[in-house]
Amino acid sequence: MKRVAALAICGLVAGAAVALAAPGPRYRIGFANLTDDPGTKIEATGFTGDLVRESFVLAVRELPVDLVLYDNHGDPHRAIANAETAVRDRVDLFIEYNDDPSANASVAAIMTKAGLPVLAINYPVPGAPLYTADDGEAGRIAGEALAESAVRDWEGHPLLGLIVGDWERGAARLDARAAGVRAGLTRRLKTLRIVKIAPADLGRVASANPGAKLLVATMSDPLALAAKQTLEAAGRAGDAVIVGQGLDPSIHGGQSDRREIDPNNRGSIVFGSVAFYLDRYGYEVLPLALAVLRGERIPARTVTRHVLVTASTVWREYPPTDLQ
């Protein structure tokens, strides 16, 4: 009897192993990136398009997916041409990352005619689920962090809120980000004076307010590093705290030795940065694509999980030996 039971158990284990080893369906997924150019910063952050592409290449390694890559080159006409090519390439699903509404409408029409599902990144494609950053939420997180820092360290001191951005670039995103910062700051500091300025004006404004402690929200990490240099040169480093946006490699350093946000650099006036994780989009978007292909319902809008990352938490998000 024991031998029969043992054989039955062995049979169950063997059957489970076969089931686990049995290959499921493989899917052919097309991804058209906004741009693959390593020199072009995207989404008003310090991230570049090649990092988004690389995240898809890395994420697909453990998935039943054959990835077909396209580069939109930031060109609406190329985006439409890539969609047409993807149909000819017989993809099962198309992921579109393109910032032109008219071109996205054309892409939607092409895919609808071909009977192919679409996922959109950061910019809507009619009828397609959207994965997107939430600029307002990211700004709010930064504003609240600055306000909490001021309440903790500078109670009773005059305060000035500064929102620093290249306002002519990525206007809609930056406006939402700045509005979020303002909301986050004033939730704790109801009467705080807040000024939106360009990077070139920071030194002048700092010098014009010598008695104020400066709560500086920059719209990107490169601007956070530039603001730090400006305030140090003006002799105001002891009167300022900075929070950036993005958590891109310029601020956390990746595997390089240049890390502004680092457990060994806790004295920096750059307190932290709000993570956007553009270099992990592949890990977020491809599972959504697979869910669609398997007939599962996904939300019409999925947003990035923005968090504030500081010197005490950065290695949790980007370990020094992170191989992604």
C-alpha atoms as a PDB file:
ATOM      1  CA  MET A   1       0.000   0.000   0.000  1.00  0.00           C
ATOM      2  CA  LYS A   2       2.843   2.369   0.897  1.00  0.00           C
ATOM      3  CA  ARG A   3       4.497   1.581  -2.436  1.00  0.00           C
ATOM      4  CA  VAL A   4       1.279   2.449  -4.300  1.00  0.00           C
ATOM      5  CA  ALA A   5       0.970   5.736  -2.390  1.00  0.00           C
ATOM      6  CA  ALA A   6       4.594   6.583  -3.099  1.00  0.00           C
ATOM      7  CA  LEU A   7       4.101   5.869  -6.790  1.00  0.00           C
ATOM      8  CA  ALA A   8       0.998   8.055  -6.801  1.00  0.00           C
ATOM      9  CA  ILE A   9       2.899  10.925  -5.188  1.00  0.00           C
ATOM     10  CA  CYS A  10       5.743  10.509  -7.673  1.00  0.00           C
ATOM     11  CA  GLY A  11       3.199  10.587 -10.470  1.00  0.00           C
ATOM     12  CA  LEU A  12       1.689  13.830  -9.157  1.00  0.00           C
ATOM     13  CA  VAL A  13       5.105  15.456  -8.804  1.00  0.00           C
ATOM     14  CA  ALA A  14       6.127  14.333 -12.269  1.00  0.00           C
ATOM     15  CA  GLY A  15       2.858  15.614 -13.712  1.00  0.00           C
ATOM     16  CA  ALA A  16       3.328  18.980 -12.023  1.00  0.00           C
ATOM     17  CA  ALA A  17       6.877  19.195 -13.342  1.00  0.00           C
ATOM     18  CA  VAL A  18       5.693  18.470 -16.871  1.00  0.00           C
ATOM     19  CA  ALA A  19       2.958  21.085 -16.528  1.00  0.00           C
ATOM     20  CA  LEU A  20       5.457  23.672 -15.327  1.00  0.00           C
ATOM     21  CA  ALA A  21       7.903  22.805 -18.073  1.00  0.00           C
ATOM     22  CA  ALA A  22       5.272  22.785 -20.822  1.00  0.00           C
ATOM     23  CA  PRO A  23       5.796  25.881 -22.918  1.00  0.00           C
ATOM     24  CA  GLY A  24       2.867  28.268 -23.067  1.00  0.00           C
ATOM     25  CA  PRO A  25       2.115  30.445 -26.054  1.00  0.00           C
ATOM     26  CA  ARG A  26       4.746  32.925 -27.153  1.00  0.00           C
ATOM     27  CA  TYR A  27       3.699  36.357 -28.265  1.00  0.00           C
ATOM     28  CA  ARG A  28       5.190  38.795 -30.717  1.00  0.00           C
ATOM     29  CA  ILE A  29       5.044  42.290 -29.238  1.00  0.00           C
ATOM     30  CA  GLY A  30       6.085  45.457 -31.032  1.00  0.00           C
ATOM     31  CA  PHE A  31       7.431  48.418 -29.065  1.00  0.00           C
ATOM     32  CA  ALA A  32       7.855  51.805 -30.750  1.00  0.00           C
ATOM     33  CA  ASN A  33       9.979  53.981 -28.473  1.00  0.00           C
ATOM     34  CA  LEU A  34       9.659  57.762 -28.331  1.00  0.00           C
ATOM     35  CA  THR A  35      13.333  57.927 -29.262  1.00  0.00           C
ATOM     36  CA  ASP A  36      16.345  55.662 -28.851  1.00  0.00           C
ATOM     37  CA  ASP A  37      18.728  58.627 -28.904  1.00  0.00           C
ATOM     38  CA  PRO A  38      21.066  58.509 -25.876  1.00  0.00           C
ATOM     39  CA  GLY A  39      21.544  62.254 -26.168  1.00  0.00           C
ATOM     40  CA  THR A  40      17.877  63.248 -25.985  1.00  0.00           C
ATOM     41  CA  LYS A  41      16.309  63.788 -22.567  1.00  0.00           C
ATOM     42  CA  ILE A  42      12.647  62.867 -22.307  1.00  0.00           C
ATOM     43  CA  GLU A  43       9.618  63.761 -20.190  1.00  0.00           C
ATOM     44  CA  ALA A  44      11.334  66.872 -18.790  1.00  0.00           C
ATOM     45  CA  THR A  45      13.637  64.634 -16.737  1.00  0.00           C
ATOM     46  CA  GLY A  46      17.267  63.612 -16.977  1.00  0.00           C
ATOM     47  CA  PHE A  47      16.339  60.242 -18.493  1.00  0.00           C
ATOM     48  CA  THR A  48      17.171  59.478 -22.117  1.00  0.00           C
ATOM     49  CA  GLY A  49      15.195  57.362 -24.542  1.00  0.00           C
ATOM     50  CA  ASP A  50      17.808  54.629 -24.846  1.00  0.00           C
ATOM     51  CA  LEU A  51      17.253  53.764 -21.171  1.00  0.00           C
ATOM     52  CA  VAL A  52      13.578  53.099 -21.869  1.00  0.00           C
ATOM     53  CA  ARG A  53      14.476  50.842 -24.785  1.00  0.00           C
ATOM     54  CA  GLU A  54      17.039  48.973 -22.678  1.00  0.00           C
ATOM     55  CA  SER A  55      14.445  48.354 -19.970  1.00  0.00           C
ATOM     56  CA  PHE A  56      12.279  46.494 -22.488  1.00  0.00           C
ATOM     57  CA  VAL A  57      15.232  44.469 -23.749  1.00  0.00           C
ATOM     58  CA  LEU A  58      16.090  43.456 -20.184  1.00  0.00           C
ATOM     59  CA  ALA A  59      12.535  42.819 -19.024  1.00  0.00           C
ATOM     60  CA  VAL A  60      11.659  40.532 -21.932  1.00  0.00           C
ATOM     61  CA  ARG A  61      14.362  38.002 -21.074  1.00  0.00           C
ATOM     62  CA  GLU A  62      12.164  35.971 -18.718  1.00  0.00           C
ATOM     63  CA  LEU A  63       8.891  36.424 -20.602  1.00  0.00           C
ATOM     64  CA  PRO A  64       7.268  34.375 -23.386  1.00  0.00           C
ATOM     65  CA  VAL A  65       7.713  37.292 -25.743  1.00  0.00           C
ATOM     66  CA  ASP A  66       9.550  37.966 -28.966  1.00  0.00           C
ATOM     67  CA  LEU A  67      10.136  41.714 -28.884  1.00  0.00           C
ATOM     68  CA  VAL A  68      10.185  43.729 -32.113  1.00  0.00           C
ATOM     69  CA  LEU A  69      11.708  47.183 -31.601  1.00  0.00           C
ATOM     70  CA  TYR A  70      10.977  50.395 -33.494  1.00  0.00           C
ATOM     71  CA  ASP A  71      12.396  53.903 -33.026  1.00  0.00           C
ATOM     72  CA  ASN A  72       9.961  56.791 -33.525  1.00  0.00           C
ATOM     73  CA  HIS A  73      12.851  59.300 -33.478  1.00  0.00           C
ATOM     74  CA  GLY A  74      10.484  61.845 -31.913  1.00  0.00           C
ATOM     75  CA  ASP A  75       8.915  62.179 -35.383  1.00  0.00           C
ATOM     76  CA  PRO A  76       5.122  61.839 -35.887  1.00  0.00           C
ATOM     77  CA  HIS A  77       5.554  60.647 -39.480  1.00  0.00           C
ATOM     78  CA  ARG A  78       8.007  57.974 -38.391  1.00  0.00           C
ATOM     79  CA  ALA A  79       5.577  56.875 -35.672  1.00  0.00           C
ATOM     80  CA  ILE A  80       2.856  56.284 -38.268  1.00  0.00           C
ATOM     81  CA  ALA A  81       5.280  54.463 -40.567  1.00  0.00           C
ATOM     82  CA  ASN A  82       6.423  52.257 -37.674  1.00  0.00           C
ATOM     83  CA  ALA A  83       2.828  51.297 -36.908  1.00  0.00           C
ATOM     84  CA  GLU A  84       2.326  50.266 -40.531  1.00  0.00           C
ATOM     85  CA  THR A  85       5.552  48.261 -40.417  1.00  0.00           C
ATOM     86  CA  ALA A  86       4.460  46.546 -37.206  1.00  0.00           C
ATOM     87  CA  VAL A  87       1.291  45.344 -38.925  1.00  0.00           C
ATOM     88  CA  ARG A  88       3.386  43.876 -41.736  1.00  0.00           C
ATOM     89  CA  ASP A  89       5.675  42.318 -39.120  1.00  0.00           C
ATOM     90  CA  ARG A  90       2.638  40.453 -37.764  1.00  0.00           C
ATOM     91  CA  VAL A  91       2.971  41.556 -34.159  1.00  0.00           C
ATOM     92  CA  ASP A  92       0.297  40.361 -31.735  1.00  0.00           C
ATOM     93  CA  LEU A  93       0.210  43.648 -29.817  1.00  0.00           C
ATOM     94  CA  PHE A  94       1.719  47.093 -30.360  1.00  0.00           C
ATOM     95  CA  ILE A  95       3.110  49.361 -27.621  1.00  0.00           C
ATOM     96  CA  GLU A  96       3.178  53.003 -28.718  1.00  0.00           C
ATOM     97  CA  TYR A  97       5.321  55.687 -27.082  1.00  0.00           C
ATOM     98  CA  ASN A  98       4.783  58.860 -29.068  1.00  0.00           C
ATOM     99  CA  ASP A  99       3.909  62.383 -27.958  1.00  0.00           C
ATOM    100  CA  ASP A 100       1.979  63.639 -31.008  1.00  0.00           C
ATOM    101  CA  PRO A 101      -1.839  63.375 -30.610  1.00  0.00           C
ATOM    102  CA  SER A 102      -2.566  63.441 -34.336  1.00  0.00           C
ATOM    103  CA  ALA A 103      -0.065  60.684 -35.072  1.00  0.00           C
ATOM    104  CA  ASN A 104      -1.437  58.641 -32.175  1.00  0.00           C
ATOM    105  CA  ALA A 105      -4.927  58.892 -33.664  1.00  0.00           C
ATOM    106  CA  SER A 106      -3.520  57.583 -36.951  1.00  0.00           C
ATOM    107  CA  VAL A 107      -1.762  54.741 -35.135  1.00  0.00           C
ATOM    108  CA  ALA A 108      -5.044  53.816 -33.446  1.00  0.00           C
ATOM    109  CA  ALA A 109      -6.800  53.711 -36.821  1.00  0.00           C
ATOM    110  CA  ILE A 110      -4.061  51.522 -38.330  1.00  0.00           C
ATOM    111  CA  MET A 111      -4.194  49.048 -35.468  1.00  0.00           C
ATOM    112  CA  THR A 112      -7.992  48.977 -35.358  1.00  0.00           C
ATOM    113  CA  LYS A 113      -8.094  48.158 -39.061  1.00  0.00           C
ATOM    114  CA  ALA A 114      -5.541  45.378 -38.500  1.00  0.00           C
ATOM    115  CA  GLY A 115      -7.422  44.056 -35.467  1.00  0.00           C
ATOM    116  CA  LEU A 116      -4.407  44.497 -33.180  1.00  0.00           C
ATOM    117  CA  PRO A 117      -4.512  45.657 -29.544  1.00  0.00           C
ATOM    118  CA  VAL A 118      -2.465  48.684 -28.494  1.00  0.00           C
ATOM    119  CA  LEU A 119      -0.927  49.906 -25.251  1.00  0.00           C
ATOM    120  CA  ALA A 120       0.108  53.556 -24.921  1.00  0.00           C
ATOM    121  CA  ILE A 121       2.912  55.035 -22.838  1.00  0.00           C
ATOM    122  CA  ASN A 122       2.600  58.541 -21.347  1.00  0.00           C
ATOM    123  CA  TYR A 123       0.488  59.900 -24.228  1.00  0.00           C
ATOM    124  CA  PRO A 124      -3.009  58.594 -25.025  1.00  0.00           C
ATOM    125  CA  VAL A 125      -3.753  56.518 -28.086  1.00  0.00           C
ATOM    126  CA  PRO A 126      -7.522  56.477 -28.714  1.00  0.00           C
ATOM    127  CA  GLY A 127      -9.085  53.303 -27.365  1.00  0.00           C
ATOM    128  CA  ALA A 128      -5.861  51.980 -25.811  1.00  0.00           C
ATOM    129  CA  PRO A 129      -4.994  51.434 -22.137  1.00  0.00           C
ATOM    130  CA  LEU A 130      -2.437  53.981 -20.948  1.00  0.00           C
ATOM    131  CA  TYR A 131       0.626  53.552 -18.735  1.00  0.00           C
ATOM    132  CA  THR A 132       1.773  56.968 -17.577  1.00  0.00           C
ATOM    133  CA  ALA A 133       3.733  59.040 -15.122  1.00  0.00           C
ATOM    134  CA  ASP A 134       1.633  61.130 -12.733  1.00  0.00           C
ATOM    135  CA  ASP A 135       3.350  64.503 -12.723  1.00  0.00           C
ATOM    136  CA  GLY A 136       0.944  66.081 -10.270  1.00  0.00           C
ATOM    137  CA  GLU A 137       1.491  63.304  -7.747  1.00  0.00           C
ATOM    138  CA  ALA A 138       5.262  63.436  -8.223  1.00  0.00           C
ATOM    139  CA  GLY A 139       5.206  67.169  -7.574  1.00  0.00           C
ATOM    140  CA  ARG A 140       3.042  66.768  -4.491  1.00  0.00           C
ATOM    141  CA  ILE A 141       5.479  64.239  -3.019  1.00  0.00           C
ATOM    142  CA  ALA A 142       8.368  66.674  -3.500  1.00  0.00           C
ATOM    143  CA  GLY A 143       6.437  69.585  -2.009  1.00  0.00           C
ATOM    144  CA  GLU A 144       5.419  67.622   1.068  1.00  0.00           C
ATOM    145  CA  ALA A 145       8.997  66.433   1.608  1.00  0.00           C
ATOM    146  CA  LEU A 146      10.285  70.006   1.497  1.00  0.00           C
ATOM    147  CA  ALA A 147       7.568  71.219   3.854  1.00  0.00           C
ATOM    148  CA  GLU A 148       8.265  68.444   6.345  1.00  0.00           C
ATOM    149  CA  SER A 149      11.973  69.259   6.226  1.00  0.00           C
ATOM    150  CA  ALA A 150      11.243  72.912   6.974  1.00  0.00           C
ATOM    151  CA  VAL A 151       8.902  72.105   9.867  1.00  0.00           C
ATOM    152  CA  ARG A 152      11.483  69.724  11.318  1.00  0.00           C
ATOM    153  CA  ASP A 153      14.635  71.818  10.892  1.00  0.00           C
ATOM    154  CA  TRP A 154      13.658  75.484  10.487  1.00  0.00           C
ATOM    155  CA  GLU A 155      10.680  76.160  12.704  1.00  0.00           C
ATOM    156  CA  GLY A 156      10.306  79.890  13.288  1.00  0.00           C
ATOM    157  CA  HIS A 157      12.588  80.913  10.406  1.00  0.00           C
ATOM    158  CA  PRO A 158      11.408  82.879   7.368  1.00  0.00           C
ATOM    159  CA  LEU A 159      10.840  80.490   4.461  1.00  0.00           C
ATOM    160  CA  LEU A 160      10.719  80.864   0.694  1.00  0.00           C
ATOM    161  CA  GLY A 161       9.543  78.187  -1.726  1.00  0.00           C
ATOM    162  CA  LEU A 162      11.263  78.096  -5.118  1.00  0.00           C
ATOM    163  CA  ILE A 163      10.081  75.980  -8.049  1.00  0.00           C
ATOM    164  CA  VAL A 164      12.874  75.821 -10.620  1.00  0.00           C
ATOM    165  CA  GLY A 165      12.249  74.632 -14.164  1.00  0.00           C
ATOM    166  CA  ASP A 166      12.999  75.051 -17.846  1.00  0.00           C
ATOM    167  CA  TRP A 167       9.443  76.199 -18.395  1.00  0.00           C
ATOM    168  CA  GLU A 168       9.587  76.360 -22.176  1.00  0.00           C
ATOM    169  CA  ARG A 169      10.199  72.595 -22.392  1.00  0.00           C
ATOM    170  CA  GLY A 170       7.523  69.982 -21.705  1.00  0.00           C
ATOM    171  CA  ALA A 171       5.110  72.702 -20.634  1.00  0.00           C
ATOM    172  CA  ALA A 172       2.091  70.534 -19.803  1.00  0.00           C
ATOM    173  CA  ARG A 173       4.109  68.080 -17.727  1.00  0.00           C
ATOM    174  CA  LEU A 174       6.002  70.812 -15.918  1.00  0.00           C
ATOM    175  CA  ASP A 175       2.847  72.779 -15.145  1.00  0.00           C
ATOM    176  CA  ALA A 176       1.288  69.685 -13.557  1.00  0.00           C
ATOM    177  CA  ARG A 177       4.494  68.952 -11.666  1.00  0.00           C
ATOM    178  CA  ALA A 178       4.748  72.532 -10.390  1.00  0.00           C
ATOM    179  CA  ALA A 179       1.093  72.586  -9.338  1.00  0.00           C
ATOM    180  CA  GLY A 180       1.708  69.406  -7.372  1.00  0.00           C
ATOM    181  CA  VAL A 181       4.732  70.947  -5.648  1.00  0.00           C
ATOM    182  CA  ARG A 182       2.686  73.983  -4.673  1.00  0.00           C
ATOM    183  CA  ALA A 183      -0.094  71.800  -3.265  1.00  0.00           C
ATOM    184  CA  GLY A 184       2.400  69.714  -1.301  1.00  0.00           C
ATOM    185  CA  LEU A 185       4.155  72.740   0.167  1.00  0.00           C
ATOM    186  CA  THR A 186       1.012  74.588   1.210  1.00  0.00           C
ATOM    187  CA  ARG A 187      -0.606  71.564   2.828  1.00  0.00           C
ATOM    188  CA  ARG A 188       1.762  72.076   5.787  1.00  0.00           C
ATOM    189  CA  LEU A 189       2.879  75.664   5.193  1.00  0.00           C
ATOM    190  CA  LYS A 190      -0.359  77.510   4.459  1.00  0.00           C
ATOM    191  CA  THR A 191       1.114  80.998   4.092  1.00  0.00           C
ATOM    192  CA  LEU A 192       4.380  80.083   2.365  1.00  0.00           C
ATOM    193  CA  ARG A 193       5.473  82.430  -0.390  1.00  0.00           C
ATOM    194  CA  ILE A 194       6.249  80.385  -3.510  1.00  0.00           C
ATOM    195  CA  VAL A 195       7.963  81.630  -6.670  1.00  0.00           C
ATOM    196  CA  LYS A 196       8.399  79.874 -10.021  1.00  0.00           C
ATOM    197  CA  ILE A 197      11.758  80.753 -11.555  1.00  0.00           C
ATOM    198  CA  ALA A 198      14.113  79.739 -14.332  1.00  0.00           C
ATOM    199  CA  PRO A 199      17.460  78.150 -13.393  1.00  0.00           C
ATOM    200  CA  ALA A 200      19.348  81.309 -14.369  1.00  0.00           C
ATOM    201  CA  ASP A 201      17.398  83.319 -11.772  1.00  0.00           C
ATOM    202  CA  LEU A 202      18.171  81.146  -8.749  1.00  0.00           C
ATOM    203  CA  GLY A 203      21.354  82.931  -7.691  1.00  0.00           C
ATOM    204  CA  ARG A 204      19.721  86.346  -7.946  1.00  0.00           C
ATOM    205  CA  VAL A 205      16.641  85.296  -5.977  1.00  0.00           C
ATOM    206  CA  ALA A 206      18.763  83.632  -3.290  1.00  0.00           C
ATOM    207  CA  SER A 207      20.860  86.788  -2.878  1.00  0.00           C
ATOM    208  CA  ALA A 208      17.741  88.952  -2.738  1.00  0.00           C
ATOM    209  CA  ASN A 209      16.353  86.937   0.195  1.00  0.00           C
ATOM    210  CA  PRO A 210      19.333  86.609   2.569  1.00  0.00           C
ATOM    211  CA  GLY A 211      17.251  85.945   5.670  1.00  0.00           C
ATOM    212  CA  ALA A 212      15.066  83.196   4.236  1.00  0.00           C
ATOM    213  CA  LYS A 213      15.515  79.464   4.297  1.00  0.00           C
ATOM    214  CA  LEU A 214      15.054  78.190   0.744  1.00  0.00           C
ATOM    215  CA  LEU A 215      12.827  75.225  -0.101  1.00  0.00           C
ATOM    216  CA  VAL A 216      13.889  74.385  -3.646  1.00  0.00           C
ATOM    217  CA  ALA A 217      11.874  72.039  -5.854  1.00  0.00           C
ATOM    218  CA  THR A 218      13.557  71.459  -9.195  1.00  0.00           C
ATOM    219  CA  MET A 219      11.673  69.935 -12.104  1.00  0.00           C
ATOM    220  CA  SER A 220      14.488  67.493 -12.912  1.00  0.00           C
ATOM    221  CA  ASP A 221      17.610  66.003 -11.372  1.00  0.00           C
ATOM    222  CA  PRO A 222      20.088  67.830 -13.640  1.00  0.00           C
ATOM    223  CA  LEU A 223      18.457  71.047 -12.428  1.00  0.00           C
ATOM    224  CA  ALA A 224      18.832  69.870  -8.814  1.00  0.00           C
ATOM    225  CA  LEU A 225      22.572  69.432  -9.322  1.00  0.00           C
ATOM    226  CA  ALA A 226      22.816  72.818 -11.029  1.00  0.00           C
ATOM    227  CA  ALA A 227      20.840  74.435  -8.196  1.00  0.00           C
ATOM    228  CA  LYS A 228      23.205  72.924  -5.662  1.00  0.00           C
ATOM    229  CA  GLN A 229      26.206  74.443  -7.450  1.00  0.00           C
ATOM    230  CA  THR A 230      24.500  77.830  -7.704  1.00  0.00           C
ATOM    231  CA  LEU A 231      23.581  77.938  -4.023  1.00  0.00           C
ATOM    232  CA  GLU A 232      27.018  76.782  -2.930  1.00  0.00           C
ATOM    233  CA  ALA A 233      28.616  79.488  -5.071  1.00  0.00           C
ATOM    234  CA  ALA A 234      26.286  82.058  -3.506  1.00  0.00           C
ATOM    235  CA  GLY A 235      27.179  80.906   0.005  1.00  0.00           C
ATOM    236  CA  ARG A 236      23.609  79.747   0.661  1.00  0.00           C
ATOM    237  CA  ALA A 237      24.101  75.990   0.919  1.00  0.00           C
ATOM    238  CA  GLY A 238      23.440  76.082   4.663  1.00  0.00           C
ATOM    239  CA  ASP A 239      20.112  77.795   4.097  1.00  0.00           C
ATOM    240  CA  ALA A 240      18.636  75.520   1.438  1.00  0.00           C
ATOM    241  CA  VAL A 241      17.210  72.082   0.832  1.00  0.00           C
ATOM    242  CA  ILE A 242      16.577  70.685  -2.660  1.00  0.00           C
ATOM    243  CA  VAL A 243      14.311  67.923  -3.964  1.00  0.00           C
ATOM    244  CA  GLY A 244      14.566  66.884  -7.606  1.00  0.00           C
ATOM    245  CA  GLN A 245      12.351  64.951  -9.994  1.00  0.00           C
ATOM    246  CA  GLY A 246      13.177  61.764 -11.866  1.00  0.00           C
ATOM    247  CA  LEU A 247      15.793  59.829  -9.881  1.00  0.00           C
ATOM    248  CA  ASP A 248      17.798  59.414 -13.063  1.00  0.00           C
ATOM    249  CA  PRO A 249      21.424  58.202 -13.251  1.00  0.00           C
ATOM    250  CA  SER A 250      22.774  61.751 -12.962  1.00  0.00           C
ATOM    251  CA  ILE A 251      21.617  61.826  -9.344  1.00  0.00           C
ATOM    252  CA  HIS A 252      21.812  58.210  -8.102  1.00  0.00           C
ATOM    253  CA  GLY A 253      24.895  57.334 -10.158  1.00  0.00           C
ATOM    254  CA  GLY A 254      23.910  53.794 -11.111  1.00  0.00           C
ATOM    255  CA  GLN A 255      27.093  51.733 -11.047  1.00  0.00           C
ATOM    256  CA  SER A 256      29.365  54.755 -11.399  1.00  0.00           C
ATOM    257  CA  ASP A 257      31.120  56.498  -8.520  1.00  0.00           C
ATOM    258  CA  ARG A 258      29.258  59.792  -9.035  1.00  0.00           C
ATOM    259  CA  ARG A 259      26.331  59.598  -6.651  1.00  0.00           C
ATOM    260  CA  GLU A 260      24.769  62.720  -5.215  1.00  0.00           C
ATOM    261  CA  ILE A 261      22.062  60.778  -3.382  1.00  0.00           C
ATOM    262  CA  ASP A 262      24.118  58.211  -1.517  1.00  0.00           C
ATOM    263  CA  PRO A 263      24.284  56.813   2.036  1.00  0.00           C
ATOM    264  CA  ASN A 264      27.829  58.174   2.236  1.00  0.00           C
ATOM    265  CA  ASN A 265      26.725  61.680   1.220  1.00  0.00           C
ATOM    266  CA  ARG A 266      24.014  62.435   3.749  1.00  0.00           C
ATOM    267  CA  GLY A 267      25.203  66.011   4.171  1.00  0.00           C
ATOM    268  CA  SER A 268      24.203  67.051   0.664  1.00  0.00           C
ATOM    269  CA  ILE A 269      21.629  69.818   0.356  1.00  0.00           C
ATOM    270  CA  VAL A 270      19.988  67.637  -2.303  1.00  0.00           C
ATOM    271  CA  PHE A 271      17.708  65.841   0.122  1.00  0.00           C
ATOM    272  CA  GLY A 272      16.202  63.479  -2.422  1.00  0.00           C
ATOM    273  CA  SER A 273      14.432  62.944  -5.707  1.00  0.00           C
ATOM    274  CA  VAL A 274      11.010  61.664  -6.698  1.00  0.00           C
ATOM    275  CA  ALA A 275      11.437  58.467  -8.703  1.00  0.00           C
ATOM    276  CA  PHE A 276       9.947  58.198 -12.205  1.00  0.00           C
ATOM    277  CA  TYR A 277      11.535  54.834 -13.124  1.00  0.00           C
ATOM    278  CA  LEU A 278      11.640  55.432 -16.882  1.00  0.00           C
ATOM    279  CA  ASP A 279      14.509  52.955 -16.948  1.00  0.00           C
ATOM    280  CA  ARG A 280      12.104  50.283 -15.665  1.00  0.00           C
ATOM    281  CA  TYR A 281       9.196  50.881 -18.015  1.00  0.00           C
ATOM    282  CA  GLY A 282       9.726  47.519 -19.682  1.00  0.00           C
ATOM    283  CA  TYR A 283       9.176  45.730 -16.379  1.00  0.00           C
ATOM    284  CA  GLU A 284       5.922  47.633 -15.838  1.00  0.00           C
ATOM    285  CA  VAL A 285       4.443  47.672 -19.342  1.00  0.00           C
ATOM    286  CA  LEU A 286       5.220  44.196 -20.697  1.00  0.00           C
ATOM    287  CA  PRO A 287       3.183  42.413 -17.979  1.00  0.00           C
ATOM    288  CA  LEU A 288       0.242  44.649 -18.911  1.00  0.00           C
ATOM    289  CA  ALA A 289       0.704  43.677 -22.553  1.00  0.00           C
ATOM    290  CA  LEU A 290       0.714  39.986 -21.661  1.00  0.00           C
ATOM    291  CA  ALA A 291      -2.451  40.420 -19.610  1.00  0.00           C
ATOM    292  CA  VAL A 292      -4.190  41.966 -22.625  1.00  0.00           C
ATOM    293  CA  LEU A 293      -3.032  39.148 -24.887  1.00  0.00           C
ATOM    294  CA  ARG A 294      -4.336  36.569 -22.406  1.00  0.00           C
ATOM    295  CA  GLY A 295      -7.754  38.160 -22.465  1.00  0.00           C
ATOM    296  CA  GLU A 296      -7.540  39.764 -19.032  1.00  0.00           C
ATOM    297  CA  ARG A 297      -9.030  43.154 -18.250  1.00  0.00           C
ATOM    298  CA  ILE A 298      -6.550  45.853 -17.259  1.00  0.00           C
ATOM    299  CA  PRO A 299      -7.233  49.403 -16.041  1.00  0.00           C
ATOM    300  CA  ALA A 300      -7.750  52.092 -18.650  1.00  0.00           C
ATOM    301  CA  ARG A 301      -4.986  54.058 -16.906  1.00  0.00           C
ATOM    302  CA  THR A 302      -2.069  52.682 -14.904  1.00  0.00           C
ATOM    303  CA  VAL A 303       0.268  55.169 -13.232  1.00  0.00           C
ATOM    304  CA  THR A 304       3.881  54.994 -12.140  1.00  0.00           C
ATOM    305  CA  ARG A 305       4.431  54.361  -8.435  1.00  0.00           C
ATOM    306  CA  HIS A 306       6.244  57.593  -7.606  1.00  0.00           C
ATOM    307  CA  VAL A 307       8.175  57.637  -4.325  1.00  0.00           C
ATOM    308  CA  LEU A 308      10.629  59.997  -2.677  1.00  0.00           C
ATOM    309  CA  VAL A 309      14.105  58.476  -2.608  1.00  0.00           C
ATOM    310  CA  THR A 310      16.731  59.827  -0.215  1.00  0.00           C
ATOM    311  CA  ALA A 311      20.231  58.870   0.868  1.00  0.00           C
ATOM    312  CA  SER A 312      18.768  56.398   3.352  1.00  0.00           C
ATOM    313  CA  THR A 313      16.636  54.573   0.761  1.00  0.00           C
ATOM    314  CA  VAL A 314      18.487  54.907  -2.556  1.00  0.00           C
ATOM    315  CA  TRP A 315      20.287  51.571  -2.342  1.00  0.00           C
ATOM    316  CA  ARG A 316      16.924  49.885  -1.883  1.00  0.00           C
ATOM    317  CA  GLU A 317      15.832  51.310  -5.243  1.00  0.00           C
ATOM    318  CA  TYR A 318      19.158  51.329  -7.104  1.00  0.00           C
ATOM    319  CA  PRO A 319      21.734  49.055  -5.422  1.00  0.00           C
ATOM    320  CA  PRO A 320      25.357  49.819  -6.357  1.00  0.00           C
ATOM    321  CA  THR A 321      25.581  46.435  -8.086  1.00  0.00           C
ATOM    322  CA  ASP A 322      22.100  46.597  -9.637  1.00  0.00           C
ATOM    323  CA  LEU A 323      22.095  44.466 -12.781  1.00  0.00           C
ATOM    324  CA  GLN A 324      18.399  45.190 -13.461  1.00  0.00           C
END
